[in-house]
mmCIF file of all heavy atoms, coordinates in Angstrom:
data_MODEL
# 
_entry.id   MODEL 
# 
loop_
_atom_site.group_PDB 
_atom_site.id 
_atom_site.type_symbol 
_atom_site.label_atom_id 
_atom_site.label_alt_id 
_atom_site.label_comp_id 
_atom_site.label_asym_id 
_atom_site.label_entity_id 
_atom_site.label_seq_id 
_atom_site.pdbx_PDB_ins_code 
_atom_site.Cartn_x 
_atom_site.Cartn_y 
_atom_site.Cartn_z 
_atom_site.occupancy 
_atom_site.B_iso_or_equiv 
_atom_site.pdbx_formal_charge 
_atom_site.auth_seq_id 
_atom_site.auth_comp_id 
_atom_site.auth_asym_id 
_atom_site.auth_atom_id 
_atom_site.pdbx_PDB_model_num 
ATOM 1   N N   . PHE A 1 1  ? -2.040 24.221 19.798 1.00 0.00 ? 1  PHE A N   1 
ATOM 2   C CA  . PHE A 1 1  ? -0.954 25.175 20.049 1.00 0.00 ? 1  PHE A CA  1 
ATOM 3   C C   . PHE A 1 1  ? 0.124  24.577 20.959 1.00 0.00 ? 1  PHE A C   1 
ATOM 4   O O   . PHE A 1 1  ? 0.912  25.309 21.550 1.00 0.00 ? 1  PHE A O   1 
ATOM 5   C CB  . PHE A 1 1  ? -1.503 26.448 20.698 1.00 0.00 ? 1  PHE A CB  1 
ATOM 6   C CG  . PHE A 1 1  ? -2.438 27.224 19.812 1.00 0.00 ? 1  PHE A CG  1 
ATOM 7   C CD1 . PHE A 1 1  ? -3.814 27.098 19.965 1.00 0.00 ? 1  PHE A CD1 1 
ATOM 8   C CD2 . PHE A 1 1  ? -1.955 28.058 18.828 1.00 0.00 ? 1  PHE A CD2 1 
ATOM 9   C CE1 . PHE A 1 1  ? -4.682 27.806 19.148 1.00 0.00 ? 1  PHE A CE1 1 
ATOM 10  C CE2 . PHE A 1 1  ? -2.812 28.771 18.010 1.00 0.00 ? 1  PHE A CE2 1 
ATOM 11  C CZ  . PHE A 1 1  ? -4.186 28.635 18.170 1.00 0.00 ? 1  PHE A CZ  1 
ATOM 12  N N   . THR A 1 2  ? 0.125  23.249 21.059 1.00 0.00 ? 2  THR A N   1 
ATOM 13  C CA  . THR A 1 2  ? 1.068  22.596 21.968 1.00 0.00 ? 2  THR A CA  1 
ATOM 14  C C   . THR A 1 2  ? 1.828  21.480 21.268 1.00 0.00 ? 2  THR A C   1 
ATOM 15  O O   . THR A 1 2  ? 1.433  21.014 20.201 1.00 0.00 ? 2  THR A O   1 
ATOM 16  C CB  . THR A 1 2  ? 0.334  21.997 23.187 1.00 0.00 ? 2  THR A CB  1 
ATOM 17  O OG1 . THR A 1 2  ? -0.523 20.927 22.742 1.00 0.00 ? 2  THR A OG1 1 
ATOM 18  C CG2 . THR A 1 2  ? -0.483 23.035 23.903 1.00 0.00 ? 2  THR A CG2 1 
ATOM 19  N N   . LYS A 1 3  ? 2.914  21.060 21.880 1.00 0.00 ? 3  LYS A N   1 
ATOM 20  C CA  . LYS A 1 3  ? 3.632  19.851 21.505 1.00 0.00 ? 3  LYS A CA  1 
ATOM 21  C C   . LYS A 1 3  ? 3.170  18.767 22.468 1.00 0.00 ? 3  LYS A C   1 
ATOM 22  O O   . LYS A 1 3  ? 3.485  18.818 23.667 1.00 0.00 ? 3  LYS A O   1 
ATOM 23  C CB  . LYS A 1 3  ? 5.141  20.067 21.599 1.00 0.00 ? 3  LYS A CB  1 
ATOM 24  C CG  . LYS A 1 3  ? 5.947  18.845 21.181 1.00 0.00 ? 3  LYS A CG  1 
ATOM 25  C CD  . LYS A 1 3  ? 7.444  19.109 21.301 1.00 0.00 ? 3  LYS A CD  1 
ATOM 26  C CE  . LYS A 1 3  ? 8.241  17.881 20.868 1.00 0.00 ? 3  LYS A CE  1 
ATOM 27  N NZ  . LYS A 1 3  ? 9.709  18.100 20.985 1.00 0.00 ? 3  LYS A NZ  1 
ATOM 28  N N   . TYR A 1 4  ? 2.434  17.804 21.954 1.00 0.00 ? 4  TYR A N   1 
ATOM 29  C CA  . TYR A 1 4  ? 1.751  16.841 22.827 1.00 0.00 ? 4  TYR A CA  1 
ATOM 30  C C   . TYR A 1 4  ? 1.790  15.466 22.179 1.00 0.00 ? 4  TYR A C   1 
ATOM 31  O O   . TYR A 1 4  ? 1.535  15.325 20.978 1.00 0.00 ? 4  TYR A O   1 
ATOM 32  C CB  . TYR A 1 4  ? 0.306  17.293 23.045 1.00 0.00 ? 4  TYR A CB  1 
ATOM 33  C CG  . TYR A 1 4  ? -0.507 16.416 23.962 1.00 0.00 ? 4  TYR A CG  1 
ATOM 34  C CD1 . TYR A 1 4  ? -0.004 16.018 25.197 1.00 0.00 ? 4  TYR A CD1 1 
ATOM 35  C CD2 . TYR A 1 4  ? -1.787 16.002 23.599 1.00 0.00 ? 4  TYR A CD2 1 
ATOM 36  C CE1 . TYR A 1 4  ? -0.754 15.226 26.044 1.00 0.00 ? 4  TYR A CE1 1 
ATOM 37  C CE2 . TYR A 1 4  ? -2.544 15.215 24.438 1.00 0.00 ? 4  TYR A CE2 1 
ATOM 38  C CZ  . TYR A 1 4  ? -2.034 14.826 25.663 1.00 0.00 ? 4  TYR A CZ  1 
ATOM 39  O OH  . TYR A 1 4  ? -2.773 14.034 26.495 1.00 0.00 ? 4  TYR A OH  1 
ATOM 40  N N   . ASN A 1 5  ? 2.134  14.454 22.981 1.00 0.00 ? 5  ASN A N   1 
ATOM 41  C CA  . ASN A 1 5  ? 2.191  13.087 22.461 1.00 0.00 ? 5  ASN A CA  1 
ATOM 42  C C   . ASN A 1 5  ? 1.328  12.113 23.256 1.00 0.00 ? 5  ASN A C   1 
ATOM 43  O O   . ASN A 1 5  ? 1.535  10.899 23.219 1.00 0.00 ? 5  ASN A O   1 
ATOM 44  C CB  . ASN A 1 5  ? 3.638  12.587 22.426 1.00 0.00 ? 5  ASN A CB  1 
ATOM 45  C CG  . ASN A 1 5  ? 4.253  12.526 23.817 1.00 0.00 ? 5  ASN A CG  1 
ATOM 46  O OD1 . ASN A 1 5  ? 3.594  12.827 24.814 1.00 0.00 ? 5  ASN A OD1 1 
ATOM 47  N ND2 . ASN A 1 5  ? 5.518  12.155 23.894 1.00 0.00 ? 5  ASN A ND2 1 
ATOM 48  N N   . ILE A 1 6  ? 0.378  12.636 24.016 1.00 0.00 ? 6  ILE A N   1 
ATOM 49  C CA  . ILE A 1 6  ? -0.572 11.883 24.835 1.00 0.00 ? 6  ILE A CA  1 
ATOM 50  C C   . ILE A 1 6  ? 0.065  11.380 26.136 1.00 0.00 ? 6  ILE A C   1 
ATOM 51  O O   . ILE A 1 6  ? -0.571 11.405 27.191 1.00 0.00 ? 6  ILE A O   1 
ATOM 52  C CB  . ILE A 1 6  ? -1.189 10.681 24.067 1.00 0.00 ? 6  ILE A CB  1 
ATOM 53  C CG1 . ILE A 1 6  ? -1.950 11.167 22.833 1.00 0.00 ? 6  ILE A CG1 1 
ATOM 54  C CG2 . ILE A 1 6  ? -2.142 9.885  24.962 1.00 0.00 ? 6  ILE A CG2 1 
ATOM 55  C CD1 . ILE A 1 6  ? -2.558 10.045 22.025 1.00 0.00 ? 6  ILE A CD1 1 
ATOM 56  N N   . ILE A 1 7  ? 1.313  10.925 26.086 1.00 0.00 ? 7  ILE A N   1 
ATOM 57  C CA  . ILE A 1 7  ? 1.954  10.317 27.256 1.00 0.00 ? 7  ILE A CA  1 
ATOM 58  C C   . ILE A 1 7  ? 2.487  11.382 28.209 1.00 0.00 ? 7  ILE A C   1 
ATOM 59  O O   . ILE A 1 7  ? 2.206  11.356 29.405 1.00 0.00 ? 7  ILE A O   1 
ATOM 60  C CB  . ILE A 1 7  ? 3.096  9.376  26.811 1.00 0.00 ? 7  ILE A CB  1 
ATOM 61  C CG1 . ILE A 1 7  ? 2.544  8.263  25.928 1.00 0.00 ? 7  ILE A CG1 1 
ATOM 62  C CG2 . ILE A 1 7  ? 3.810  8.791  28.024 1.00 0.00 ? 7  ILE A CG2 1 
ATOM 63  C CD1 . ILE A 1 7  ? 3.598  7.368  25.331 1.00 0.00 ? 7  ILE A CD1 1 
ATOM 64  N N   . THR A 1 8  ? 3.239  12.332 27.669 1.00 0.00 ? 8  THR A N   1 
ATOM 65  C CA  . THR A 1 8  ? 3.824  13.383 28.523 1.00 0.00 ? 8  THR A CA  1 
ATOM 66  C C   . THR A 1 8  ? 2.948  14.629 28.499 1.00 0.00 ? 8  THR A C   1 
ATOM 67  O O   . THR A 1 8  ? 2.128  14.807 27.577 1.00 0.00 ? 8  THR A O   1 
ATOM 68  C CB  . THR A 1 8  ? 5.233  13.745 28.018 1.00 0.00 ? 8  THR A CB  1 
ATOM 69  O OG1 . THR A 1 8  ? 5.148  14.195 26.656 1.00 0.00 ? 8  THR A OG1 1 
ATOM 70  C CG2 . THR A 1 8  ? 6.151  12.533 28.086 1.00 0.00 ? 8  THR A CG2 1 
ATOM 71  N N   . PRO A 1 9  ? 3.083  15.493 29.484 1.00 0.00 ? 9  PRO A N   1 
ATOM 72  C CA  . PRO A 1 9  ? 2.270  16.718 29.512 1.00 0.00 ? 9  PRO A CA  1 
ATOM 73  C C   . PRO A 1 9  ? 2.512  17.594 28.287 1.00 0.00 ? 9  PRO A C   1 
ATOM 74  O O   . PRO A 1 9  ? 3.611  17.611 27.718 1.00 0.00 ? 9  PRO A O   1 
ATOM 75  C CB  . PRO A 1 9  ? 2.737  17.422 30.795 1.00 0.00 ? 9  PRO A CB  1 
ATOM 76  C CG  . PRO A 1 9  ? 3.297  16.332 31.645 1.00 0.00 ? 9  PRO A CG  1 
ATOM 77  C CD  . PRO A 1 9  ? 3.916  15.352 30.701 1.00 0.00 ? 9  PRO A CD  1 
ATOM 78  N N   . ALA A 1 10 ? 1.480  18.290 27.886 1.00 0.00 ? 10 ALA A N   1 
ATOM 79  C CA  . ALA A 1 10 ? 1.579  19.161 26.714 1.00 0.00 ? 10 ALA A CA  1 
ATOM 80  C C   . ALA A 1 10 ? 2.446  20.380 27.018 1.00 0.00 ? 10 ALA A C   1 
ATOM 81  O O   . ALA A 1 10 ? 2.438  20.906 28.131 1.00 0.00 ? 10 ALA A O   1 
ATOM 82  C CB  . ALA A 1 10 ? 0.182  19.601 26.286 1.00 0.00 ? 10 ALA A CB  1 
ATOM 83  N N   . LYS A 1 11 ? 3.197  20.819 26.008 1.00 0.00 ? 11 LYS A N   1 
ATOM 84  C CA  . LYS A 1 11 ? 4.045  22.000 26.121 1.00 0.00 ? 11 LYS A CA  1 
ATOM 85  C C   . LYS A 1 11 ? 3.628  23.010 25.060 1.00 0.00 ? 11 LYS A C   1 
ATOM 86  O O   . LYS A 1 11 ? 3.564  22.683 23.869 1.00 0.00 ? 11 LYS A O   1 
ATOM 87  C CB  . LYS A 1 11 ? 5.519  21.632 25.944 1.00 0.00 ? 11 LYS A CB  1 
ATOM 88  C CG  . LYS A 1 11 ? 6.056  20.705 27.029 1.00 0.00 ? 11 LYS A CG  1 
ATOM 89  C CD  . LYS A 1 11 ? 7.530  20.405 26.791 1.00 0.00 ? 11 LYS A CD  1 
ATOM 90  C CE  . LYS A 1 11 ? 8.078  19.477 27.875 1.00 0.00 ? 11 LYS A CE  1 
ATOM 91  N NZ  . LYS A 1 11 ? 9.514  19.156 27.634 1.00 0.00 ? 11 LYS A NZ  1 
ATOM 92  N N   . PHE A 1 12 ? 3.360  24.216 25.486 1.00 0.00 ? 12 PHE A N   1 
ATOM 93  C CA  . PHE A 1 12 ? 2.929  25.269 24.567 1.00 0.00 ? 12 PHE A CA  1 
ATOM 94  C C   . PHE A 1 12 ? 4.043  25.598 23.572 1.00 0.00 ? 12 PHE A C   1 
ATOM 95  O O   . PHE A 1 12 ? 5.197  25.819 23.963 1.00 0.00 ? 12 PHE A O   1 
ATOM 96  C CB  . PHE A 1 12 ? 2.535  26.516 25.354 1.00 0.00 ? 12 PHE A CB  1 
ATOM 97  C CG  . PHE A 1 12 ? 2.090  27.655 24.488 1.00 0.00 ? 12 PHE A CG  1 
ATOM 98  C CD1 . PHE A 1 12 ? 0.840  27.654 23.901 1.00 0.00 ? 12 PHE A CD1 1 
ATOM 99  C CD2 . PHE A 1 12 ? 2.928  28.742 24.260 1.00 0.00 ? 12 PHE A CD2 1 
ATOM 100 C CE1 . PHE A 1 12 ? 0.425  28.709 23.104 1.00 0.00 ? 12 PHE A CE1 1 
ATOM 101 C CE2 . PHE A 1 12 ? 2.519  29.799 23.461 1.00 0.00 ? 12 PHE A CE2 1 
ATOM 102 C CZ  . PHE A 1 12 ? 1.260  29.771 22.889 1.00 0.00 ? 12 PHE A CZ  1 
ATOM 103 N N   . ASN A 1 13 ? 3.699  25.597 22.284 1.00 0.00 ? 13 ASN A N   1 
ATOM 104 C CA  . ASN A 1 13 ? 4.706  25.951 21.259 1.00 0.00 ? 13 ASN A CA  1 
ATOM 105 C C   . ASN A 1 13 ? 4.173  26.985 20.262 1.00 0.00 ? 13 ASN A C   1 
ATOM 106 O O   . ASN A 1 13 ? 4.665  27.088 19.144 1.00 0.00 ? 13 ASN A O   1 
ATOM 107 C CB  . ASN A 1 13 ? 5.186  24.703 20.517 1.00 0.00 ? 13 ASN A CB  1 
ATOM 108 C CG  . ASN A 1 13 ? 4.071  24.014 19.734 1.00 0.00 ? 13 ASN A CG  1 
ATOM 109 O OD1 . ASN A 1 13 ? 2.907  24.429 19.806 1.00 0.00 ? 13 ASN A OD1 1 
ATOM 110 N ND2 . ASN A 1 13 ? 4.402  22.974 18.991 1.00 0.00 ? 13 ASN A ND2 1 
ATOM 111 N N   . GLY A 1 14 ? 3.162  27.732 20.676 1.00 0.00 ? 14 GLY A N   1 
ATOM 112 C CA  . GLY A 1 14 ? 2.666  28.829 19.855 1.00 0.00 ? 14 GLY A CA  1 
ATOM 113 C C   . GLY A 1 14 ? 2.089  28.376 18.528 1.00 0.00 ? 14 GLY A C   1 
ATOM 114 O O   . GLY A 1 14 ? 1.328  27.408 18.452 1.00 0.00 ? 14 GLY A O   1 
ATOM 115 N N   . LEU A 1 15 ? 2.482  29.065 17.469 1.00 0.00 ? 15 LEU A N   1 
ATOM 116 C CA  . LEU A 1 15 ? 1.943  28.795 16.131 1.00 0.00 ? 15 LEU A CA  1 
ATOM 117 C C   . LEU A 1 15 ? 2.798  27.804 15.338 1.00 0.00 ? 15 LEU A C   1 
ATOM 118 O O   . LEU A 1 15 ? 2.626  27.684 14.122 1.00 0.00 ? 15 LEU A O   1 
ATOM 119 C CB  . LEU A 1 15 ? 1.830  30.104 15.351 1.00 0.00 ? 15 LEU A CB  1 
ATOM 120 C CG  . LEU A 1 15 ? 0.863  31.152 15.915 1.00 0.00 ? 15 LEU A CG  1 
ATOM 121 C CD1 . LEU A 1 15 ? 0.971  32.439 15.120 1.00 0.00 ? 15 LEU A CD1 1 
ATOM 122 C CD2 . LEU A 1 15 ? -0.573 30.626 15.901 1.00 0.00 ? 15 LEU A CD2 1 
ATOM 123 N N   . PHE A 1 16 ? 3.682  27.090 16.023 1.00 0.00 ? 16 PHE A N   1 
ATOM 124 C CA  . PHE A 1 16 ? 4.596  26.187 15.319 1.00 0.00 ? 16 PHE A CA  1 
ATOM 125 C C   . PHE A 1 16 ? 3.832  25.147 14.501 1.00 0.00 ? 16 PHE A C   1 
ATOM 126 O O   . PHE A 1 16 ? 4.194  24.869 13.343 1.00 0.00 ? 16 PHE A O   1 
ATOM 127 C CB  . PHE A 1 16 ? 5.520  25.492 16.324 1.00 0.00 ? 16 PHE A CB  1 
ATOM 128 C CG  . PHE A 1 16 ? 6.442  24.482 15.687 1.00 0.00 ? 16 PHE A CG  1 
ATOM 129 C CD1 . PHE A 1 16 ? 7.600  24.896 15.042 1.00 0.00 ? 16 PHE A CD1 1 
ATOM 130 C CD2 . PHE A 1 16 ? 6.136  23.127 15.705 1.00 0.00 ? 16 PHE A CD2 1 
ATOM 131 C CE1 . PHE A 1 16 ? 8.448  23.975 14.441 1.00 0.00 ? 16 PHE A CE1 1 
ATOM 132 C CE2 . PHE A 1 16 ? 6.975  22.205 15.108 1.00 0.00 ? 16 PHE A CE2 1 
ATOM 133 C CZ  . PHE A 1 16 ? 8.133  22.623 14.475 1.00 0.00 ? 16 PHE A CZ  1 
ATOM 134 N N   . ASN A 1 17 ? 2.789  24.543 15.085 1.00 0.00 ? 17 ASN A N   1 
ATOM 135 C CA  . ASN A 1 17 ? 2.033  23.505 14.371 1.00 0.00 ? 17 ASN A CA  1 
ATOM 136 C C   . ASN A 1 17 ? 1.361  24.064 13.124 1.00 0.00 ? 17 ASN A C   1 
ATOM 137 O O   . ASN A 1 17 ? 1.303  23.394 12.081 1.00 0.00 ? 17 ASN A O   1 
ATOM 138 C CB  . ASN A 1 17 ? 0.977  22.889 15.292 1.00 0.00 ? 17 ASN A CB  1 
ATOM 139 C CG  . ASN A 1 17 ? 1.590  22.045 16.390 1.00 0.00 ? 17 ASN A CG  1 
ATOM 140 O OD1 . ASN A 1 17 ? 2.697  21.531 16.232 1.00 0.00 ? 17 ASN A OD1 1 
ATOM 141 N ND2 . ASN A 1 17 ? 0.883  21.903 17.495 1.00 0.00 ? 17 ASN A ND2 1 
ATOM 142 N N   . TYR A 1 18 ? 0.850  25.290 13.210 1.00 0.00 ? 18 TYR A N   1 
ATOM 143 C CA  . TYR A 1 18 ? 0.183  25.886 12.057 1.00 0.00 ? 18 TYR A CA  1 
ATOM 144 C C   . TYR A 1 18 ? 1.198  26.305 10.986 1.00 0.00 ? 18 TYR A C   1 
ATOM 145 O O   . TYR A 1 18 ? 0.886  26.276 9.792  1.00 0.00 ? 18 TYR A O   1 
ATOM 146 C CB  . TYR A 1 18 ? -0.658 27.084 12.504 1.00 0.00 ? 18 TYR A CB  1 
ATOM 147 C CG  . TYR A 1 18 ? -1.883 26.666 13.281 1.00 0.00 ? 18 TYR A CG  1 
ATOM 148 C CD1 . TYR A 1 18 ? -1.859 26.595 14.671 1.00 0.00 ? 18 TYR A CD1 1 
ATOM 149 C CD2 . TYR A 1 18 ? -3.061 26.310 12.632 1.00 0.00 ? 18 TYR A CD2 1 
ATOM 150 C CE1 . TYR A 1 18 ? -2.979 26.193 15.389 1.00 0.00 ? 18 TYR A CE1 1 
ATOM 151 C CE2 . TYR A 1 18 ? -4.186 25.915 13.336 1.00 0.00 ? 18 TYR A CE2 1 
ATOM 152 C CZ  . TYR A 1 18 ? -4.136 25.848 14.718 1.00 0.00 ? 18 TYR A CZ  1 
ATOM 153 O OH  . TYR A 1 18 ? -5.246 25.433 15.424 1.00 0.00 ? 18 TYR A OH  1 
ATOM 154 N N   . GLN A 1 19 ? 2.381  26.691 11.393 1.00 0.00 ? 19 GLN A N   1 
ATOM 155 C CA  . GLN A 1 19 ? 3.430  26.983 10.423 1.00 0.00 ? 19 GLN A CA  1 
ATOM 156 C C   . GLN A 1 19 ? 3.893  25.705 9.725  1.00 0.00 ? 19 GLN A C   1 
ATOM 157 O O   . GLN A 1 19 ? 4.204  25.711 8.537  1.00 0.00 ? 19 GLN A O   1 
ATOM 158 C CB  . GLN A 1 19 ? 4.612  27.655 11.131 1.00 0.00 ? 19 GLN A CB  1 
ATOM 159 C CG  . GLN A 1 19 ? 4.297  29.044 11.663 1.00 0.00 ? 19 GLN A CG  1 
ATOM 160 C CD  . GLN A 1 19 ? 5.416  29.596 12.539 1.00 0.00 ? 19 GLN A CD  1 
ATOM 161 O OE1 . GLN A 1 19 ? 6.330  28.873 12.920 1.00 0.00 ? 19 GLN A OE1 1 
ATOM 162 N NE2 . GLN A 1 19 ? 5.332  30.883 12.860 1.00 0.00 ? 19 GLN A NE2 1 
ATOM 163 N N   . LYS A 1 20 ? 3.897  24.608 10.483 1.00 0.00 ? 20 LYS A N   1 
ATOM 164 C CA  . LYS A 1 20 ? 4.300  23.321 9.921  1.00 0.00 ? 20 LYS A CA  1 
ATOM 165 C C   . LYS A 1 20 ? 3.322  22.852 8.845  1.00 0.00 ? 20 LYS A C   1 
ATOM 166 O O   . LYS A 1 20 ? 3.704  22.157 7.897  1.00 0.00 ? 20 LYS A O   1 
ATOM 167 C CB  . LYS A 1 20 ? 4.388  22.285 11.037 1.00 0.00 ? 20 LYS A CB  1 
ATOM 168 C CG  . LYS A 1 20 ? 4.955  20.945 10.596 1.00 0.00 ? 20 LYS A CG  1 
ATOM 169 C CD  . LYS A 1 20 ? 5.068  19.993 11.784 1.00 0.00 ? 20 LYS A CD  1 
ATOM 170 C CE  . LYS A 1 20 ? 5.603  18.641 11.326 1.00 0.00 ? 20 LYS A CE  1 
ATOM 171 N NZ  . LYS A 1 20 ? 5.714  17.695 12.475 1.00 0.00 ? 20 LYS A NZ  1 
ATOM 172 N N   . LEU A 1 21 ? 2.052  23.245 8.975  1.00 0.00 ? 21 LEU A N   1 
ATOM 173 C CA  . LEU A 1 21 ? 1.036  22.862 7.979  1.00 0.00 ? 21 LEU A CA  1 
ATOM 174 C C   . LEU A 1 21 ? 1.434  23.312 6.581  1.00 0.00 ? 21 LEU A C   1 
ATOM 175 O O   . LEU A 1 21 ? 1.205  22.598 5.601  1.00 0.00 ? 21 LEU A O   1 
ATOM 176 C CB  . LEU A 1 21 ? -0.323 23.478 8.337  1.00 0.00 ? 21 LEU A CB  1 
ATOM 177 C CG  . LEU A 1 21 ? -1.097 22.899 9.515  1.00 0.00 ? 21 LEU A CG  1 
ATOM 178 C CD1 . LEU A 1 21 ? -2.330 23.745 9.783  1.00 0.00 ? 21 LEU A CD1 1 
ATOM 179 C CD2 . LEU A 1 21 ? -1.504 21.457 9.241  1.00 0.00 ? 21 LEU A CD2 1 
ATOM 180 N N   . LEU A 1 22 ? 2.022  24.498 6.493  1.00 0.00 ? 22 LEU A N   1 
ATOM 181 C CA  . LEU A 1 22 ? 2.328  25.093 5.198  1.00 0.00 ? 22 LEU A CA  1 
ATOM 182 C C   . LEU A 1 22 ? 3.429  24.354 4.449  1.00 0.00 ? 22 LEU A C   1 
ATOM 183 O O   . LEU A 1 22 ? 3.510  24.449 3.219  1.00 0.00 ? 22 LEU A O   1 
ATOM 184 C CB  . LEU A 1 22 ? 2.711  26.562 5.385  1.00 0.00 ? 22 LEU A CB  1 
ATOM 185 C CG  . LEU A 1 22 ? 1.650  27.445 6.065  1.00 0.00 ? 22 LEU A CG  1 
ATOM 186 C CD1 . LEU A 1 22 ? 2.194  28.853 6.270  1.00 0.00 ? 22 LEU A CD1 1 
ATOM 187 C CD2 . LEU A 1 22 ? 0.367  27.470 5.250  1.00 0.00 ? 22 LEU A CD2 1 
ATOM 188 N N   . ARG A 1 23 ? 4.264  23.629 5.165  1.00 0.00 ? 23 ARG A N   1 
ATOM 189 C CA  . ARG A 1 23 ? 5.354  22.907 4.513  1.00 0.00 ? 23 ARG A CA  1 
ATOM 190 C C   . ARG A 1 23 ? 5.232  21.388 4.651  1.00 0.00 ? 23 ARG A C   1 
ATOM 191 O O   . ARG A 1 23 ? 6.207  20.664 4.443  1.00 0.00 ? 23 ARG A O   1 
ATOM 192 C CB  . ARG A 1 23 ? 6.700  23.379 5.083  1.00 0.00 ? 23 ARG A CB  1 
ATOM 193 C CG  . ARG A 1 23 ? 6.840  23.248 6.581  1.00 0.00 ? 23 ARG A CG  1 
ATOM 194 C CD  . ARG A 1 23 ? 8.203  23.756 7.051  1.00 0.00 ? 23 ARG A CD  1 
ATOM 195 N NE  . ARG A 1 23 ? 8.405  23.523 8.478  1.00 0.00 ? 23 ARG A NE  1 
ATOM 196 C CZ  . ARG A 1 23 ? 8.046  24.358 9.435  1.00 0.00 ? 23 ARG A CZ  1 
ATOM 197 N NH1 . ARG A 1 23 ? 7.479  25.515 9.106  1.00 0.00 ? 23 ARG A NH1 1 
ATOM 198 N NH2 . ARG A 1 23 ? 8.263  24.064 10.701 1.00 0.00 ? 23 ARG A NH2 1 
ATOM 199 N N   . ASP A 1 24 ? 4.060  20.929 5.020  1.00 0.00 ? 24 ASP A N   1 
ATOM 200 C CA  . ASP A 1 24 ? 3.820  19.490 5.191  1.00 0.00 ? 24 ASP A CA  1 
ATOM 201 C C   . ASP A 1 24 ? 3.310  18.907 3.870  1.00 0.00 ? 24 ASP A C   1 
ATOM 202 O O   . ASP A 1 24 ? 2.132  19.034 3.531  1.00 0.00 ? 24 ASP A O   1 
ATOM 203 C CB  . ASP A 1 24 ? 2.806  19.253 6.310  1.00 0.00 ? 24 ASP A CB  1 
ATOM 204 C CG  . ASP A 1 24 ? 2.683  17.783 6.677  1.00 0.00 ? 24 ASP A CG  1 
ATOM 205 O OD1 . ASP A 1 24 ? 3.194  16.928 5.919  1.00 0.00 ? 24 ASP A OD1 1 
ATOM 206 O OD2 . ASP A 1 24 ? 2.063  17.478 7.716  1.00 0.00 ? 24 ASP A OD2 1 
ATOM 207 N N   . ASP A 1 25 ? 4.188  18.258 3.124  1.00 0.00 ? 25 ASP A N   1 
ATOM 208 C CA  . ASP A 1 25 ? 3.803  17.667 1.833  1.00 0.00 ? 25 ASP A CA  1 
ATOM 209 C C   . ASP A 1 25 ? 2.843  16.498 2.009  1.00 0.00 ? 25 ASP A C   1 
ATOM 210 O O   . ASP A 1 25 ? 1.996  16.242 1.147  1.00 0.00 ? 25 ASP A O   1 
ATOM 211 C CB  . ASP A 1 25 ? 5.055  17.207 1.076  1.00 0.00 ? 25 ASP A CB  1 
ATOM 212 C CG  . ASP A 1 25 ? 5.927  18.383 0.650  1.00 0.00 ? 25 ASP A CG  1 
ATOM 213 O OD1 . ASP A 1 25 ? 5.368  19.478 0.457  1.00 0.00 ? 25 ASP A OD1 1 
ATOM 214 O OD2 . ASP A 1 25 ? 7.152  18.194 0.523  1.00 0.00 ? 25 ASP A OD2 1 
ATOM 215 N N   . LYS A 1 26 ? 2.973  15.766 3.109  1.00 0.00 ? 26 LYS A N   1 
ATOM 216 C CA  . LYS A 1 26 ? 2.072  14.636 3.364  1.00 0.00 ? 26 LYS A CA  1 
ATOM 217 C C   . LYS A 1 26 ? 0.638  15.125 3.562  1.00 0.00 ? 26 LYS A C   1 
ATOM 218 O O   . LYS A 1 26 ? -0.309 14.507 3.081  1.00 0.00 ? 26 LYS A O   1 
ATOM 219 C CB  . LYS A 1 26 ? 2.535  13.852 4.591  1.00 0.00 ? 26 LYS A CB  1 
ATOM 220 C CG  . LYS A 1 26 ? 3.811  13.052 4.378  1.00 0.00 ? 26 LYS A CG  1 
ATOM 221 C CD  . LYS A 1 26 ? 4.139  12.220 5.612  1.00 0.00 ? 26 LYS A CD  1 
ATOM 222 C CE  . LYS A 1 26 ? 5.392  11.378 5.372  1.00 0.00 ? 26 LYS A CE  1 
ATOM 223 N NZ  . LYS A 1 26 ? 5.723  10.566 6.574  1.00 0.00 ? 26 LYS A NZ  1 
ATOM 224 N N   . LEU A 1 27 ? 0.492  16.242 4.267  1.00 0.00 ? 27 LEU A N   1 
ATOM 225 C CA  . LEU A 1 27 ? -0.840 16.807 4.464  1.00 0.00 ? 27 LEU A CA  1 
ATOM 226 C C   . LEU A 1 27 ? -1.450 17.237 3.133  1.00 0.00 ? 27 LEU A C   1 
ATOM 227 O O   . LEU A 1 27 ? -2.635 17.012 2.881  1.00 0.00 ? 27 LEU A O   1 
ATOM 228 C CB  . LEU A 1 27 ? -0.777 17.995 5.426  1.00 0.00 ? 27 LEU A CB  1 
ATOM 229 C CG  . LEU A 1 27 ? -2.095 18.753 5.629  1.00 0.00 ? 27 LEU A CG  1 
ATOM 230 C CD1 . LEU A 1 27 ? -3.161 17.844 6.219  1.00 0.00 ? 27 LEU A CD1 1 
ATOM 231 C CD2 . LEU A 1 27 ? -1.876 19.981 6.510  1.00 0.00 ? 27 LEU A CD2 1 
ATOM 232 N N   . LYS A 1 28 ? -0.637 17.851 2.278  1.00 0.00 ? 28 LYS A N   1 
ATOM 233 C CA  . LYS A 1 28 ? -1.133 18.267 0.965  1.00 0.00 ? 28 LYS A CA  1 
ATOM 234 C C   . LYS A 1 28 ? -1.618 17.061 0.164  1.00 0.00 ? 28 LYS A C   1 
ATOM 235 O O   . LYS A 1 28 ? -2.640 17.124 -0.519 1.00 0.00 ? 28 LYS A O   1 
ATOM 236 C CB  . LYS A 1 28 ? -0.034 19.011 0.199  1.00 0.00 ? 28 LYS A CB  1 
ATOM 237 C CG  . LYS A 1 28 ? 0.373  20.328 0.849  1.00 0.00 ? 28 LYS A CG  1 
ATOM 238 C CD  . LYS A 1 28 ? 1.553  20.965 0.122  1.00 0.00 ? 28 LYS A CD  1 
ATOM 239 C CE  . LYS A 1 28 ? 2.007  22.232 0.840  1.00 0.00 ? 28 LYS A CE  1 
ATOM 240 N NZ  . LYS A 1 28 ? 3.194  22.842 0.200  1.00 0.00 ? 28 LYS A NZ  1 
# 
């Protein structure tokens, strides 16, 4: 539920990552 790149602290972004799953052609 965060925007995280290992280097900088994680930032909460709600359901954004799960919404991104639905339109991620690479994941499909």
